[in-house]
Amino acid sequence: MTEYITLVSSDGFEFIISKDAAMVSGTIKNMLSSTFRETEERKIRLQEMDGRLLNKVVEYLYYNNKYKDSVDVPEFNIPTEMALELLVASDFLDV
């Protein structure tokens, strides 16, 4: 059975994603593998990311999880206006 966790943005949007996809992030993996409250609640609040940004991050987590063992990987589209924010988010999330 697939396990799910919830990521919550700064503006209150909740994204329910598979634990496998979430574990692409080193930061989330560490949070879920420790004694943090997030481990029990299965809910991680990301106050530094709004819903628009977190939506794109979730999209990437699924993309990375899907193609992690593939040789022929399609391009992941990053809107130019989000590039800097995504770079900061990816650094924070360790992806």
PDB file of N, CA and C in Angstrom:
ATOM      1  N   MET A   1       0.838  -1.180   0.000  1.00  0.00           N
ATOM      2  CA  MET A   1       0.000   0.000   0.000  1.00  0.00           C
ATOM      3  C   MET A   1       0.889   1.253   0.000  1.00  0.00           C
ATOM      4  N   THR A   2       0.552   2.201  -0.819  1.00  0.00           N
ATOM      5  CA  THR A   2       1.316   3.430  -0.938  1.00  0.00           C
ATOM      6  C   THR A   2       1.058   4.343   0.257  1.00  0.00           C
ATOM      7  N   GLU A   3       2.146   4.877   0.820  1.00  0.00           N
ATOM      8  CA  GLU A   3       2.034   5.839   1.911  1.00  0.00           C
ATOM      9  C   GLU A   3       2.048   7.245   1.331  1.00  0.00           C
ATOM     10  N   TYR A   4       1.350   8.157   1.983  1.00  0.00           N
ATOM     11  CA  TYR A   4       1.282   9.546   1.533  1.00  0.00           C
ATOM     12  C   TYR A   4       1.656  10.494   2.662  1.00  0.00           C
ATOM     13  N   ILE A   5       2.144  11.662   2.275  1.00  0.00           N
ATOM     14  CA  ILE A   5       2.396  12.731   3.231  1.00  0.00           C
ATOM     15  C   ILE A   5       1.776  14.011   2.672  1.00  0.00           C
ATOM     16  N   THR A   6       1.637  14.997   3.517  1.00  0.00           N
ATOM     17  CA  THR A   6       1.064  16.277   3.103  1.00  0.00           C
ATOM     18  C   THR A   6       2.110  17.372   3.246  1.00  0.00           C
ATOM     19  N   LEU A   7       2.288  18.136   2.175  1.00  0.00           N
ATOM     20  CA  LEU A   7       3.153  19.314   2.203  1.00  0.00           C
ATOM     21  C   LEU A   7       2.239  20.529   2.225  1.00  0.00           C
ATOM     22  N   VAL A   8       2.500  21.461   3.122  1.00  0.00           N
ATOM     23  CA  VAL A   8       1.649  22.641   3.278  1.00  0.00           C
ATOM     24  C   VAL A   8       2.461  23.894   2.953  1.00  0.00           C
ATOM     25  N   SER A   9       1.925  24.710   2.051  1.00  0.00           N
ATOM     26  CA  SER A   9       2.607  25.939   1.635  1.00  0.00           C
ATOM     27  C   SER A   9       2.344  27.077   2.622  1.00  0.00           C
ATOM     28  N   SER A  10       3.069  28.166   2.448  1.00  0.00           N
ATOM     29  CA  SER A  10       2.919  29.330   3.332  1.00  0.00           C
ATOM     30  C   SER A  10       1.527  29.950   3.254  1.00  0.00           C
ATOM     31  N   ASP A  11       0.861  29.781   2.104  1.00  0.00           N
ATOM     32  CA  ASP A  11      -0.484  30.338   1.960  1.00  0.00           C
ATOM     33  C   ASP A  11      -1.581  29.290   2.172  1.00  0.00           C
ATOM     34  N   GLY A  12      -1.209  28.164   2.803  1.00  0.00           N
ATOM     35  CA  GLY A  12      -2.195  27.186   3.241  1.00  0.00           C
ATOM     36  C   GLY A  12      -2.599  26.099   2.260  1.00  0.00           C
ATOM     37  N   PHE A  13      -2.013  26.080   1.070  1.00  0.00           N
ATOM     38  CA  PHE A  13      -2.347  25.013   0.127  1.00  0.00           C
ATOM     39  C   PHE A  13      -1.708  23.713   0.590  1.00  0.00           C
ATOM     40  N   GLU A  14      -2.470  22.623   0.521  1.00  0.00           N
ATOM     41  CA  GLU A  14      -1.972  21.318   0.939  1.00  0.00           C
ATOM     42  C   GLU A  14      -1.816  20.418  -0.273  1.00  0.00           C
ATOM     43  N   PHE A  15      -0.658  19.772  -0.358  1.00  0.00           N
ATOM     44  CA  PHE A  15      -0.352  18.858  -1.453  1.00  0.00           C
ATOM     45  C   PHE A  15      -0.119  17.483  -0.849  1.00  0.00           C
ATOM     46  N   ILE A  16      -0.989  16.542  -1.175  1.00  0.00           N
ATOM     47  CA  ILE A  16      -0.850  15.172  -0.690  1.00  0.00           C
ATOM     48  C   ILE A  16      -0.073  14.411  -1.753  1.00  0.00           C
ATOM     49  N   ILE A  17       1.120  13.954  -1.372  1.00  0.00           N
ATOM     50  CA  ILE A  17       1.979  13.274  -2.344  1.00  0.00           C
ATOM     51  C   ILE A  17       2.467  11.944  -1.770  1.00  0.00           C
ATOM     52  N   SER A  18       2.889  11.062  -2.658  1.00  0.00           N
ATOM     53  CA  SER A  18       3.384   9.766  -2.205  1.00  0.00           C
ATOM     54  C   SER A  18       4.691   9.956  -1.441  1.00  0.00           C
ATOM     55  N   LYS A  19       4.903   9.116  -0.463  1.00  0.00           N
ATOM     56  CA  LYS A  19       6.130   9.187   0.329  1.00  0.00           C
ATOM     57  C   LYS A  19       7.339   8.942  -0.566  1.00  0.00           C
ATOM     58  N   ASP A  20       7.203   8.048  -1.551  1.00  0.00           N
ATOM     59  CA  ASP A  20       8.307   7.770  -2.476  1.00  0.00           C
ATOM     60  C   ASP A  20       8.752   9.028  -3.204  1.00  0.00           C
ATOM     61  N   ALA A  21       7.795   9.805  -3.700  1.00  0.00           N
ATOM     62  CA  ALA A  21       8.133  11.049  -4.397  1.00  0.00           C
ATOM     63  C   ALA A  21       8.733  12.055  -3.422  1.00  0.00           C
ATOM     64  N   ALA A  22       8.187  12.154  -2.230  1.00  0.00           N
ATOM     65  CA  ALA A  22       8.688  13.111  -1.235  1.00  0.00           C
ATOM     66  C   ALA A  22      10.121  12.800  -0.829  1.00  0.00           C
ATOM     67  N   MET A  23      10.475  11.520  -0.805  1.00  0.00           N
ATOM     68  CA  MET A  23      11.810  11.106  -0.372  1.00  0.00           C
ATOM     69  C   MET A  23      12.902  11.470  -1.372  1.00  0.00           C
ATOM     70  N   VAL A  24      12.534  11.988  -2.534  1.00  0.00           N
ATOM     71  CA  VAL A  24      13.521  12.521  -3.479  1.00  0.00           C
ATOM     72  C   VAL A  24      14.261  13.677  -2.804  1.00  0.00           C
ATOM     73  N   SER A  25      13.566  14.400  -1.941  1.00  0.00           N
ATOM     74  CA  SER A  25      14.151  15.525  -1.206  1.00  0.00           C
ATOM     75  C   SER A  25      14.917  15.018   0.010  1.00  0.00           C
ATOM     76  N   GLY A  26      16.197  15.357   0.073  1.00  0.00           N
ATOM     77  CA  GLY A  26      17.006  14.976   1.230  1.00  0.00           C
ATOM     78  C   GLY A  26      16.484  15.584   2.519  1.00  0.00           C
ATOM     79  N   THR A  27      16.005  16.816   2.454  1.00  0.00           N
ATOM     80  CA  THR A  27      15.471  17.503   3.633  1.00  0.00           C
ATOM     81  C   THR A  27      14.221  16.803   4.153  1.00  0.00           C
ATOM     82  N   ILE A  28      13.295  16.495   3.257  1.00  0.00           N
ATOM     83  CA  ILE A  28      12.062  15.806   3.664  1.00  0.00           C
ATOM     84  C   ILE A  28      12.392  14.405   4.163  1.00  0.00           C
ATOM     85  N   LYS A  29      13.307  13.731   3.497  1.00  0.00           N
ATOM     86  CA  LYS A  29      13.719  12.391   3.914  1.00  0.00           C
ATOM     87  C   LYS A  29      14.247  12.426   5.352  1.00  0.00           C
ATOM     88  N   ASN A  30      15.083  13.418   5.665  1.00  0.00           N
ATOM     89  CA  ASN A  30      15.605  13.550   7.030  1.00  0.00           C
ATOM     90  C   ASN A  30      14.497  13.840   8.028  1.00  0.00           C
ATOM     91  N   MET A  31      13.551  14.686   7.645  1.00  0.00           N
ATOM     92  CA  MET A  31      12.434  15.007   8.546  1.00  0.00           C
ATOM     93  C   MET A  31      11.599  13.770   8.851  1.00  0.00           C
ATOM     94  N   LEU A  32      11.375  12.938   7.832  1.00  0.00           N
ATOM     95  CA  LEU A  32      10.527  11.754   8.005  1.00  0.00           C
ATOM     96  C   LEU A  32      11.271  10.582   8.635  1.00  0.00           C
ATOM     97  N   SER A  33      12.588  10.672   8.714  1.00  0.00           N
ATOM     98  CA  SER A  33      13.394   9.581   9.261  1.00  0.00           C
ATOM     99  C   SER A  33      13.893   9.897  10.664  1.00  0.00           C
ATOM    100  N   SER A  34      13.287  10.846  11.316  1.00  0.00           N
ATOM    101  CA  SER A  34      13.762  11.259  12.629  1.00  0.00           C
ATOM    102  C   SER A  34      12.595  11.334  13.609  1.00  0.00           C
ATOM    103  N   THR A  35      12.848  11.984  14.713  1.00  0.00           N
ATOM    104  CA  THR A  35      11.807  12.099  15.739  1.00  0.00           C
ATOM    105  C   THR A  35      11.053  13.423  15.657  1.00  0.00           C
ATOM    106  N   PHE A  36      11.146  14.108  14.527  1.00  0.00           N
ATOM    107  CA  PHE A  36      10.397  15.350  14.343  1.00  0.00           C
ATOM    108  C   PHE A  36       8.898  15.070  14.393  1.00  0.00           C
ATOM    109  N   ARG A  37       8.148  16.083  14.781  1.00  0.00           N
ATOM    110  CA  ARG A  37       6.685  15.984  14.821  1.00  0.00           C
ATOM    111  C   ARG A  37       6.127  15.575  13.455  1.00  0.00           C
ATOM    112  N   GLU A  38       6.789  16.026  12.385  1.00  0.00           N
ATOM    113  CA  GLU A  38       6.339  15.723  11.022  1.00  0.00           C
ATOM    114  C   GLU A  38       6.268  14.223  10.749  1.00  0.00           C
ATOM    115  N   THR A  39       7.124  13.452  11.409  1.00  0.00           N
ATOM    116  CA  THR A  39       7.130  11.999  11.213  1.00  0.00           C
ATOM    117  C   THR A  39       5.800  11.396  11.637  1.00  0.00           C
ATOM    118  N   GLU A  40       5.302  11.812  12.782  1.00  0.00           N
ATOM    119  CA  GLU A  40       4.032  11.273  13.274  1.00  0.00           C
ATOM    120  C   GLU A  40       2.837  11.844  12.530  1.00  0.00           C
ATOM    121  N   GLU A  41       2.859  13.136  12.278  1.00  0.00           N
ATOM    122  CA  GLU A  41       1.723  13.796  11.627  1.00  0.00           C
ATOM    123  C   GLU A  41       1.653  13.522  10.132  1.00  0.00           C
ATOM    124  N   ARG A  42       2.793  13.196   9.534  1.00  0.00           N
ATOM    125  CA  ARG A  42       2.885  13.025   8.075  1.00  0.00           C
ATOM    126  C   ARG A  42       2.483  14.318   7.363  1.00  0.00           C
ATOM    127  N   LYS A  43       2.767  15.447   8.020  1.00  0.00           N
ATOM    128  CA  LYS A  43       2.447  16.759   7.460  1.00  0.00           C
ATOM    129  C   LYS A  43       3.663  17.660   7.659  1.00  0.00           C
ATOM    130  N   ILE A  44       4.143  18.234   6.561  1.00  0.00           N
ATOM    131  CA  ILE A  44       5.317  19.103   6.614  1.00  0.00           C
ATOM    132  C   ILE A  44       4.921  20.489   6.141  1.00  0.00           C
ATOM    133  N   ARG A  45       5.146  21.462   6.998  1.00  0.00           N
ATOM    134  CA  ARG A  45       4.832  22.854   6.666  1.00  0.00           C
ATOM    135  C   ARG A  45       6.078  23.527   6.105  1.00  0.00           C
ATOM    136  N   LEU A  46       5.944  24.061   4.909  1.00  0.00           N
ATOM    137  CA  LEU A  46       7.061  24.730   4.240  1.00  0.00           C
ATOM    138  C   LEU A  46       6.725  26.219   4.137  1.00  0.00           C
ATOM    139  N   GLN A  47       6.974  26.940   5.208  1.00  0.00           N
ATOM    140  CA  GLN A  47       6.570  28.341   5.325  1.00  0.00           C
ATOM    141  C   GLN A  47       7.290  29.269   4.352  1.00  0.00           C
ATOM    142  N   GLU A  48       8.397  28.820   3.785  1.00  0.00           N
ATOM    143  CA  GLU A  48       9.133  29.664   2.852  1.00  0.00           C
ATOM    144  C   GLU A  48       8.675  29.505   1.403  1.00  0.00           C
ATOM    145  N   MET A  49       7.665  28.664   1.168  1.00  0.00           N
ATOM    146  CA  MET A  49       7.187  28.430  -0.200  1.00  0.00           C
ATOM    147  C   MET A  49       5.689  28.671  -0.306  1.00  0.00           C
ATOM    148  N   ASP A  50       5.295  29.490  -1.283  1.00  0.00           N
ATOM    149  CA  ASP A  50       3.866  29.688  -1.518  1.00  0.00           C
ATOM    150  C   ASP A  50       3.328  28.526  -2.357  1.00  0.00           C
ATOM    151  N   GLY A  51       2.019  28.472  -2.512  1.00  0.00           N
ATOM    152  CA  GLY A  51       1.377  27.368  -3.219  1.00  0.00           C
ATOM    153  C   GLY A  51       1.830  27.217  -4.658  1.00  0.00           C
ATOM    154  N   ARG A  52       2.044  28.325  -5.335  1.00  0.00           N
ATOM    155  CA  ARG A  52       2.484  28.300  -6.735  1.00  0.00           C
ATOM    156  C   ARG A  52       3.855  27.628  -6.851  1.00  0.00           C
ATOM    157  N   LEU A  53       4.776  28.000  -5.967  1.00  0.00           N
ATOM    158  CA  LEU A  53       6.123  27.434  -5.987  1.00  0.00           C
ATOM    159  C   LEU A  53       6.106  25.974  -5.539  1.00  0.00           C
ATOM    160  N   LEU A  54       5.380  25.682  -4.470  1.00  0.00           N
ATOM    161  CA  LEU A  54       5.326  24.308  -3.967  1.00  0.00           C
ATOM    162  C   LEU A  54       4.684  23.373  -4.982  1.00  0.00           C
ATOM    163  N   ASN A  55       3.727  23.854  -5.739  1.00  0.00           N
ATOM    164  CA  ASN A  55       3.118  23.049  -6.795  1.00  0.00           C
ATOM    165  C   ASN A  55       4.183  22.600  -7.806  1.00  0.00           C
ATOM    166  N   LYS A  56       5.061  23.514  -8.204  1.00  0.00           N
ATOM    167  CA  LYS A  56       6.117  23.181  -9.167  1.00  0.00           C
ATOM    168  C   LYS A  56       7.138  22.234  -8.536  1.00  0.00           C
ATOM    169  N   VAL A  57       7.427  22.420  -7.262  1.00  0.00           N
ATOM    170  CA  VAL A  57       8.345  21.527  -6.550  1.00  0.00           C
ATOM    171  C   VAL A  57       7.771  20.112  -6.514  1.00  0.00           C
ATOM    172  N   VAL A  58       6.489  19.988  -6.191  1.00  0.00           N
ATOM    173  CA  VAL A  58       5.833  18.674  -6.154  1.00  0.00           C
ATOM    174  C   VAL A  58       5.874  18.028  -7.535  1.00  0.00           C
ATOM    175  N   GLU A  59       5.621  18.821  -8.554  1.00  0.00           N
ATOM    176  CA  GLU A  59       5.707  18.333  -9.934  1.00  0.00           C
ATOM    177  C   GLU A  59       7.097  17.742 -10.198  1.00  0.00           C
ATOM    178  N   TYR A  60       8.134  18.449  -9.748  1.00  0.00           N
ATOM    179  CA  TYR A  60       9.503  17.973  -9.955  1.00  0.00           C
ATOM    180  C   TYR A  60       9.795  16.713  -9.140  1.00  0.00           C
ATOM    181  N   LEU A  61       9.304  16.631  -7.910  1.00  0.00           N
ATOM    182  CA  LEU A  61       9.537  15.440  -7.094  1.00  0.00           C
ATOM    183  C   LEU A  61       8.980  14.198  -7.786  1.00  0.00           C
ATOM    184  N   TYR A  62       7.768  14.317  -8.349  1.00  0.00           N
ATOM    185  CA  TYR A  62       7.187  13.191  -9.094  1.00  0.00           C
ATOM    186  C   TYR A  62       7.979  12.902 -10.367  1.00  0.00           C
ATOM    187  N   TYR A  63       8.386  13.942 -11.068  1.00  0.00           N
ATOM    188  CA  TYR A  63       9.180  13.799 -12.295  1.00  0.00           C
ATOM    189  C   TYR A  63      10.486  13.062 -11.986  1.00  0.00           C
ATOM    190  N   ASN A  64      11.190  13.496 -10.964  1.00  0.00           N
ATOM    191  CA  ASN A  64      12.460  12.884 -10.588  1.00  0.00           C
ATOM    192  C   ASN A  64      12.261  11.434 -10.166  1.00  0.00           C
ATOM    193  N   ASN A  65      11.236  11.168  -9.386  1.00  0.00           N
ATOM    194  CA  ASN A  65      10.955   9.805  -8.939  1.00  0.00           C
ATOM    195  C   ASN A  65      10.614   8.895 -10.118  1.00  0.00           C
ATOM    196  N   LYS A  66       9.858   9.413 -11.066  1.00  0.00           N
ATOM    197  CA  LYS A  66       9.444   8.627 -12.231  1.00  0.00           C
ATOM    198  C   LYS A  66      10.622   8.272 -13.135  1.00  0.00           C
ATOM    199  N   TYR A  67      11.532   9.210 -13.340  1.00  0.00           N
ATOM    200  CA  TYR A  67      12.617   9.011 -14.299  1.00  0.00           C
ATOM    201  C   TYR A  67      13.971   8.707 -13.662  1.00  0.00           C
ATOM    202  N   LYS A  68      14.013   8.390 -12.373  1.00  0.00           N
ATOM    203  CA  LYS A  68      15.292   8.202 -11.683  1.00  0.00           C
ATOM    204  C   LYS A  68      16.159   7.094 -12.275  1.00  0.00           C
ATOM    205  N   ASP A  69      15.557   6.073 -12.846  1.00  0.00           N
ATOM    206  CA  ASP A  69      16.331   4.968 -13.417  1.00  0.00           C
ATOM    207  C   ASP A  69      16.308   4.957 -14.937  1.00  0.00           C
ATOM    208  N   SER A  70      15.833   6.033 -15.552  1.00  0.00           N
ATOM    209  CA  SER A  70      15.702   6.091 -17.011  1.00  0.00           C
ATOM    210  C   SER A  70      16.944   6.683 -17.659  1.00  0.00           C
ATOM    211  N   VAL A  71      17.188   6.242 -18.873  1.00  0.00           N
ATOM    212  CA  VAL A  71      18.289   6.788 -19.663  1.00  0.00           C
ATOM    213  C   VAL A  71      17.779   7.961 -20.491  1.00  0.00           C
ATOM    214  N   ASP A  72      16.604   7.797 -21.072  1.00  0.00           N
ATOM    215  CA  ASP A  72      16.009   8.828 -21.920  1.00  0.00           C
ATOM    216  C   ASP A  72      15.010   9.639 -21.088  1.00  0.00           C
ATOM    217  N   VAL A  73      15.464  10.764 -20.571  1.00  0.00           N
ATOM    218  CA  VAL A  73      14.644  11.584 -19.678  1.00  0.00           C
ATOM    219  C   VAL A  73      14.175  12.839 -20.411  1.00  0.00           C
ATOM    220  N   PRO A  74      12.854  13.056 -20.460  1.00  0.00           N
ATOM    221  CA  PRO A  74      12.354  14.271 -21.115  1.00  0.00           C
ATOM    222  C   PRO A  74      12.733  15.511 -20.306  1.00  0.00           C
ATOM    223  N   GLU A  75      12.746  16.641 -20.981  1.00  0.00           N
ATOM    224  CA  GLU A  75      13.095  17.903 -20.331  1.00  0.00           C
ATOM    225  C   GLU A  75      12.009  18.303 -19.334  1.00  0.00           C
ATOM    226  N   PHE A  76      12.433  18.821 -18.194  1.00  0.00           N
ATOM    227  CA  PHE A  76      11.502  19.341 -17.194  1.00  0.00           C
ATOM    228  C   PHE A  76      11.383  20.836 -17.427  1.00  0.00           C
ATOM    229  N   ASN A  77      10.177  21.293 -17.703  1.00  0.00           N
ATOM    230  CA  ASN A  77       9.949  22.690 -18.037  1.00  0.00           C
ATOM    231  C   ASN A  77       9.945  23.571 -16.784  1.00  0.00           C
ATOM    232  N   ILE A  78      10.825  24.566 -16.773  1.00  0.00           N
ATOM    233  CA  ILE A  78      10.889  25.529 -15.673  1.00  0.00           C
ATOM    234  C   ILE A  78      10.597  26.912 -16.233  1.00  0.00           C
ATOM    235  N   PRO A  79       9.495  27.526 -15.810  1.00  0.00           N
ATOM    236  CA  PRO A  79       9.196  28.883 -16.275  1.00  0.00           C
ATOM    237  C   PRO A  79      10.314  29.844 -15.855  1.00  0.00           C
ATOM    238  N   THR A  80      10.736  30.676 -16.768  1.00  0.00           N
ATOM    239  CA  THR A  80      11.832  31.611 -16.517  1.00  0.00           C
ATOM    240  C   THR A  80      11.598  32.445 -15.267  1.00  0.00           C
ATOM    241  N   GLU A  81      10.369  32.899 -15.073  1.00  0.00           N
ATOM    242  CA  GLU A  81      10.073  33.764 -13.933  1.00  0.00           C
ATOM    243  C   GLU A  81      10.150  33.042 -12.586  1.00  0.00           C
ATOM    244  N   MET A  82      10.204  31.700 -12.609  1.00  0.00           N
ATOM    245  CA  MET A  82      10.296  30.926 -11.367  1.00  0.00           C
ATOM    246  C   MET A  82      11.692  30.372 -11.126  1.00  0.00           C
ATOM    247  N   ALA A  83      12.598  30.552 -12.060  1.00  0.00           N
ATOM    248  CA  ALA A  83      13.905  29.895 -12.009  1.00  0.00           C
ATOM    249  C   ALA A  83      14.664  30.167 -10.709  1.00  0.00           C
ATOM    250  N   LEU A  84      14.765  31.409 -10.309  1.00  0.00           N
ATOM    251  CA  LEU A  84      15.522  31.747  -9.101  1.00  0.00           C
ATOM    252  C   LEU A  84      14.859  31.172  -7.850  1.00  0.00           C
ATOM    253  N   GLU A  85      13.543  31.308  -7.758  1.00  0.00           N
ATOM    254  CA  GLU A  85      12.813  30.760  -6.602  1.00  0.00           C
ATOM    255  C   GLU A  85      12.977  29.245  -6.520  1.00  0.00           C
ATOM    256  N   LEU A  86      12.930  28.572  -7.670  1.00  0.00           N
ATOM    257  CA  LEU A  86      13.092  27.115  -7.691  1.00  0.00           C
ATOM    258  C   LEU A  86      14.505  26.706  -7.310  1.00  0.00           C
ATOM    259  N   LEU A  87      15.481  27.504  -7.693  1.00  0.00           N
ATOM    260  CA  LEU A  87      16.870  27.228  -7.320  1.00  0.00           C
ATOM    261  C   LEU A  87      17.029  27.289  -5.800  1.00  0.00           C
ATOM    262  N   VAL A  88      16.467  28.304  -5.187  1.00  0.00           N
ATOM    263  CA  VAL A  88      16.531  28.450  -3.725  1.00  0.00           C
ATOM    264  C   VAL A  88      15.774  27.301  -3.048  1.00  0.00           C
ATOM    265  N   ALA A  89      14.587  26.971  -3.563  1.00  0.00           N
ATOM    266  CA  ALA A  89      13.785  25.878  -2.997  1.00  0.00           C
ATOM    267  C   ALA A  89      14.505  24.541  -3.131  1.00  0.00           C
ATOM    268  N   SER A  90      15.123  24.302  -4.282  1.00  0.00           N
ATOM    269  CA  SER A  90      15.823  23.030  -4.487  1.00  0.00           C
ATOM    270  C   SER A  90      17.028  22.916  -3.560  1.00  0.00           C
ATOM    271  N   ASP A  91      17.694  24.038  -3.289  1.00  0.00           N
ATOM    272  CA  ASP A  91      18.814  24.028  -2.349  1.00  0.00           C
ATOM    273  C   ASP A  91      18.317  23.702  -0.942  1.00  0.00           C
ATOM    274  N   PHE A  92      17.237  24.348  -0.528  1.00  0.00           N
ATOM    275  CA  PHE A  92      16.667  24.101   0.796  1.00  0.00           C
ATOM    276  C   PHE A  92      16.201  22.650   0.940  1.00  0.00           C
ATOM    277  N   LEU A  93      15.554  22.129  -0.094  1.00  0.00           N
ATOM    278  CA  LEU A  93      14.997  20.772  -0.035  1.00  0.00           C
ATOM    279  C   LEU A  93      16.005  19.685  -0.379  1.00  0.00           C
ATOM    280  N   ASP A  94      17.188  20.084  -0.819  1.00  0.00           N
ATOM    281  CA  ASP A  94      18.245  19.137  -1.177  1.00  0.00           C
ATOM    282  C   ASP A  94      17.779  18.163  -2.262  1.00  0.00           C
ATOM    283  N   VAL A  95      17.376  18.753  -3.390  1.00  0.00           N
ATOM    284  CA  VAL A  95      16.994  17.936  -4.559  1.00  0.00           C
ATOM    285  C   VAL A  95      17.863  18.284  -5.745  1.00  0.00           C
TER     286      VAL A  95
END
